[in-house]
C-alpha atoms as a PDB file:
ATOM      1  CA  UNK A   1      28.282  21.322  33.545  1.00  0.00           C
ATOM      2  CA  UNK A   2      25.032  22.190  31.770  1.00  0.00           C
ATOM      3  CA  UNK A   3      25.082  21.054  28.139  1.00  0.00           C
ATOM      4  CA  UNK A   4      22.887  19.908  25.285  1.00  0.00           C
ATOM      5  CA  UNK A   5      22.536  16.116  25.135  1.00  0.00           C
ATOM      6  CA  UNK A   6      21.354  15.748  21.554  1.00  0.00           C
ATOM      7  CA  UNK A   7      18.580  16.432  19.122  1.00  0.00           C
ATOM      8  CA  UNK A   8      15.234  16.352  20.878  1.00  0.00           C
ATOM      9  CA  UNK A   9      13.072  16.580  17.792  1.00  0.00           C
ATOM     10  CA  UNK A  10      12.525  17.927  14.315  1.00  0.00           C
ATOM     11  CA  UNK A  11       9.673  20.412  14.004  1.00  0.00           C
ATOM     12  CA  UNK A  12       8.507  22.066  10.798  1.00  0.00           C
ATOM     13  CA  UNK A  13       5.494  23.518   9.018  1.00  0.00           C
ATOM     14  CA  UNK A  14       3.579  21.618   6.335  1.00  0.00           C
ATOM     15  CA  UNK A  15       0.670  22.622   4.109  1.00  0.00           C
ATOM     16  CA  UNK A  16      -0.940  19.190   4.583  1.00  0.00           C
ATOM     17  CA  UNK A  17       0.204  17.849   7.961  1.00  0.00           C
ATOM     18  CA  UNK A  18      -2.179  14.853   8.049  1.00  0.00           C
ATOM     19  CA  UNK A  19      -1.248  13.868   4.487  1.00  0.00           C
ATOM     20  CA  UNK A  20       2.458  14.203   5.250  1.00  0.00           C
ATOM     21  CA  UNK A  21       2.118  12.115   8.426  1.00  0.00           C
ATOM     22  CA  UNK A  22       0.285   9.452   6.394  1.00  0.00           C
ATOM     23  CA  UNK A  23       3.022   9.452   3.734  1.00  0.00           C
ATOM     24  CA  UNK A  24       5.775   8.982   6.352  1.00  0.00           C
ATOM     25  CA  UNK A  25       3.758   6.160   7.957  1.00  0.00           C
ATOM     26  CA  UNK A  26       3.171   4.399   4.615  1.00  0.00           C
ATOM     27  CA  UNK A  27       6.536   4.969   2.957  1.00  0.00           C
ATOM     28  CA  UNK A  28       8.954   4.902   5.901  1.00  0.00           C
ATOM     29  CA  UNK A  29       6.962   2.968   8.494  1.00  0.00           C
ATOM     30  CA  UNK A  30       6.624   5.794  11.033  1.00  0.00           C
ATOM     31  CA  UNK A  31       4.430   4.872  13.994  1.00  0.00           C
ATOM     32  CA  UNK A  32       2.474   8.135  14.355  1.00  0.00           C
ATOM     33  CA  UNK A  33       1.026   8.787  17.825  1.00  0.00           C
ATOM     34  CA  UNK A  34      -2.518  10.104  18.380  1.00  0.00           C
ATOM     35  CA  UNK A  35      -1.123  13.587  19.069  1.00  0.00           C
ATOM     36  CA  UNK A  36       0.385  13.662  15.532  1.00  0.00           C
ATOM     37  CA  UNK A  37       4.082  13.053  16.120  1.00  0.00           C
ATOM     38  CA  UNK A  38       6.508  10.154  16.343  1.00  0.00           C
ATOM     39  CA  UNK A  39       8.731   9.209  19.274  1.00  0.00           C
ATOM     40  CA  UNK A  40      11.805   7.193  18.317  1.00  0.00           C
ATOM     41  CA  UNK A  41      13.265   4.944  21.017  1.00  0.00           C
ATOM     42  CA  UNK A  42      17.047   4.991  21.507  1.00  0.00           C
ATOM     43  CA  UNK A  43      18.611   2.727  18.913  1.00  0.00           C
ATOM     44  CA  UNK A  44      21.853   1.827  20.667  1.00  0.00           C
ATOM     45  CA  UNK A  45      23.541   2.352  17.321  1.00  0.00           C
ATOM     46  CA  UNK A  46      24.784   5.353  15.370  1.00  0.00           C
ATOM     47  CA  UNK A  47      24.781   8.901  16.700  1.00  0.00           C
ATOM     48  CA  UNK A  48      23.156  12.294  16.227  1.00  0.00           C
ATOM     49  CA  UNK A  49      24.750  15.080  14.216  1.00  0.00           C
ATOM     50  CA  UNK A  50      24.247  18.846  14.191  1.00  0.00           C
ATOM     51  CA  UNK A  51      26.016  20.462  11.255  1.00  0.00           C
ATOM     52  CA  UNK A  52      25.533  23.836   9.549  1.00  0.00           C
ATOM     53  CA  UNK A  53      26.302  23.880   5.836  1.00  0.00           C
ATOM     54  CA  UNK A  54      27.528  26.775   3.708  1.00  0.00           C
ATOM     55  CA  UNK A  55      24.676  28.971   2.455  1.00  0.00           C
ATOM     56  CA  UNK A  56      25.472  28.114  -1.171  1.00  0.00           C
ATOM     57  CA  UNK A  57      25.745  24.331  -0.585  1.00  0.00           C
ATOM     58  CA  UNK A  58      24.083  22.066  -3.159  1.00  0.00           C
ATOM     59  CA  UNK A  59      23.889  19.201  -0.652  1.00  0.00           C
ATOM     60  CA  UNK A  60      20.118  19.635  -0.038  1.00  0.00           C
ATOM     61  CA  UNK A  61      19.164  19.690  -3.742  1.00  0.00           C
ATOM     62  CA  UNK A  62      16.819  18.957  -5.389  1.00  0.00           C
ATOM     63  CA  UNK A  63      14.963  20.427  -2.390  1.00  0.00           C
ATOM     64  CA  UNK A  64      14.800  24.193  -2.131  1.00  0.00           C
ATOM     65  CA  UNK A  65      14.384  23.969   1.673  1.00  0.00           C
ATOM     66  CA  UNK A  66      17.274  25.311   3.744  1.00  0.00           C
ATOM     67  CA  UNK A  67      17.427  22.087   5.759  1.00  0.00           C
ATOM     68  CA  UNK A  68      17.413  18.311   5.375  1.00  0.00           C
ATOM     69  CA  UNK A  69      16.321  15.583   7.779  1.00  0.00           C
ATOM     70  CA  UNK A  70      18.561  12.571   8.385  1.00  0.00           C
ATOM     71  CA  UNK A  71      16.717   9.443   9.526  1.00  0.00           C
ATOM     72  CA  UNK A  72      18.687   6.528  10.938  1.00  0.00           C
ATOM     73  CA  UNK A  73      17.374   3.183   9.634  1.00  0.00           C
ATOM     74  CA  UNK A  74      18.122  -0.428  10.533  1.00  0.00           C
ATOM     75  CA  UNK A  75      17.920  -1.807   6.969  1.00  0.00           C
ATOM     76  CA  UNK A  76      18.463   0.702   4.169  1.00  0.00           C
ATOM     77  CA  UNK A  77      17.673  -1.743   1.370  1.00  0.00           C
ATOM     78  CA  UNK A  78      14.443  -2.781   3.105  1.00  0.00           C
ATOM     79  CA  UNK A  79      13.363   0.843   3.627  1.00  0.00           C
ATOM     80  CA  UNK A  80      14.150   1.666  -0.009  1.00  0.00           C
ATOM     81  CA  UNK A  81      12.135  -1.367  -1.160  1.00  0.00           C
ATOM     82  CA  UNK A  82       9.167  -0.205   0.927  1.00  0.00           C
ATOM     83  CA  UNK A  83       9.516   3.315  -0.502  1.00  0.00           C
ATOM     84  CA  UNK A  84       9.732   1.948  -4.069  1.00  0.00           C
ATOM     85  CA  UNK A  85       6.495   0.016  -3.490  1.00  0.00           C
ATOM     86  CA  UNK A  86       4.902   3.424  -2.799  1.00  0.00           C
ATOM     87  CA  UNK A  87       6.406   4.921  -5.970  1.00  0.00           C
ATOM     88  CA  UNK A  88       9.239   6.745  -4.177  1.00  0.00           C
ATOM     89  CA  UNK A  89      12.667   6.352  -5.777  1.00  0.00           C
ATOM     90  CA  UNK A  90      15.941   7.553  -4.253  1.00  0.00           C
ATOM     91  CA  UNK A  91      17.623  10.629  -5.692  1.00  0.00           C
ATOM     92  CA  UNK A  92      21.013   9.112  -4.853  1.00  0.00           C
ATOM     93  CA  UNK A  93      22.875   6.539  -2.813  1.00  0.00           C
ATOM     94  CA  UNK A  94      26.313   6.220  -1.228  1.00  0.00           C
ATOM     95  CA  UNK A  95      27.807   3.276   0.637  1.00  0.00           C
ATOM     96  CA  UNK A  96      30.692   4.206   2.920  1.00  0.00           C
ATOM     97  CA  UNK A  97      32.613   1.500   4.788  1.00  0.00           C
ATOM     98  CA  UNK A  98      33.427   3.866   7.654  1.00  0.00           C
ATOM     99  CA  UNK A  99      30.068   5.531   8.243  1.00  0.00           C
ATOM    100  CA  UNK A 100      27.497   3.193   6.683  1.00  0.00           C
ATOM    101  CA  UNK A 101      24.992   3.371   3.850  1.00  0.00           C
ATOM    102  CA  UNK A 102      23.152   6.516   2.745  1.00  0.00           C
ATOM    103  CA  UNK A 103      20.294   7.178   0.336  1.00  0.00           C
ATOM    104  CA  UNK A 104      18.169  10.242  -0.315  1.00  0.00           C
ATOM    105  CA  UNK A 105      14.476  10.603  -1.128  1.00  0.00           C
ATOM    106  CA  UNK A 106      12.097  13.534  -1.464  1.00  0.00           C
ATOM    107  CA  UNK A 107       8.956  13.784   0.659  1.00  0.00           C
ATOM    108  CA  UNK A 108       5.658  15.266  -0.616  1.00  0.00           C
ATOM    109  CA  UNK A 109       6.491  18.541   1.148  1.00  0.00           C
ATOM    110  CA  UNK A 110       9.558  18.942  -1.124  1.00  0.00           C
ATOM    111  CA  UNK A 111      12.012  18.096   1.648  1.00  0.00           C
ATOM    112  CA  UNK A 112      15.096  16.006   0.978  1.00  0.00           C
ATOM    113  CA  UNK A 113      15.285  13.132   3.464  1.00  0.00           C
ATOM    114  CA  UNK A 114      18.591  11.399   4.072  1.00  0.00           C
ATOM    115  CA  UNK A 115      18.278   7.746   5.092  1.00  0.00           C
ATOM    116  CA  UNK A 116      21.276   6.377   6.985  1.00  0.00           C
ATOM    117  CA  UNK A 117      22.097   2.827   7.992  1.00  0.00           C
ATOM    118  CA  UNK A 118      25.087   3.186  10.326  1.00  0.00           C
ATOM    119  CA  UNK A 119      28.071   0.930   9.829  1.00  0.00           C
ATOM    120  CA  UNK A 120      28.338  -1.876  12.364  1.00  0.00           C
ATOM    121  CA  UNK A 121      31.175   0.058  13.991  1.00  0.00           C
ATOM    122  CA  UNK A 122      30.552   3.665  12.985  1.00  0.00           C
ATOM    123  CA  UNK A 123      33.361   6.045  14.036  1.00  0.00           C
END
């Protein structure tokens, strides 16, 4: 049966693409390719989610964008420490025994980024 296997990428417009790529490389350790994007190898951990939210949801605030990016990380505290060294503080944090650890930051484009360290045995 023909079916979708997962998320193949996140594509969006930015006023300063090179500056935004540099920020993600500095703050979150992205390894940006010469063509301007990042290819993430399979992690063997966690999963991908596609989930529409209600139009009046506050979940993406303080961003005014109608979407949010979730990035799976291997060490949430380490990523947050790296971000803090660049002057980026989380807008919130939640540790969940079932799903893992979550924190949220804002990128220079005004987008809310959810950082997720999956639980060792995520459901």
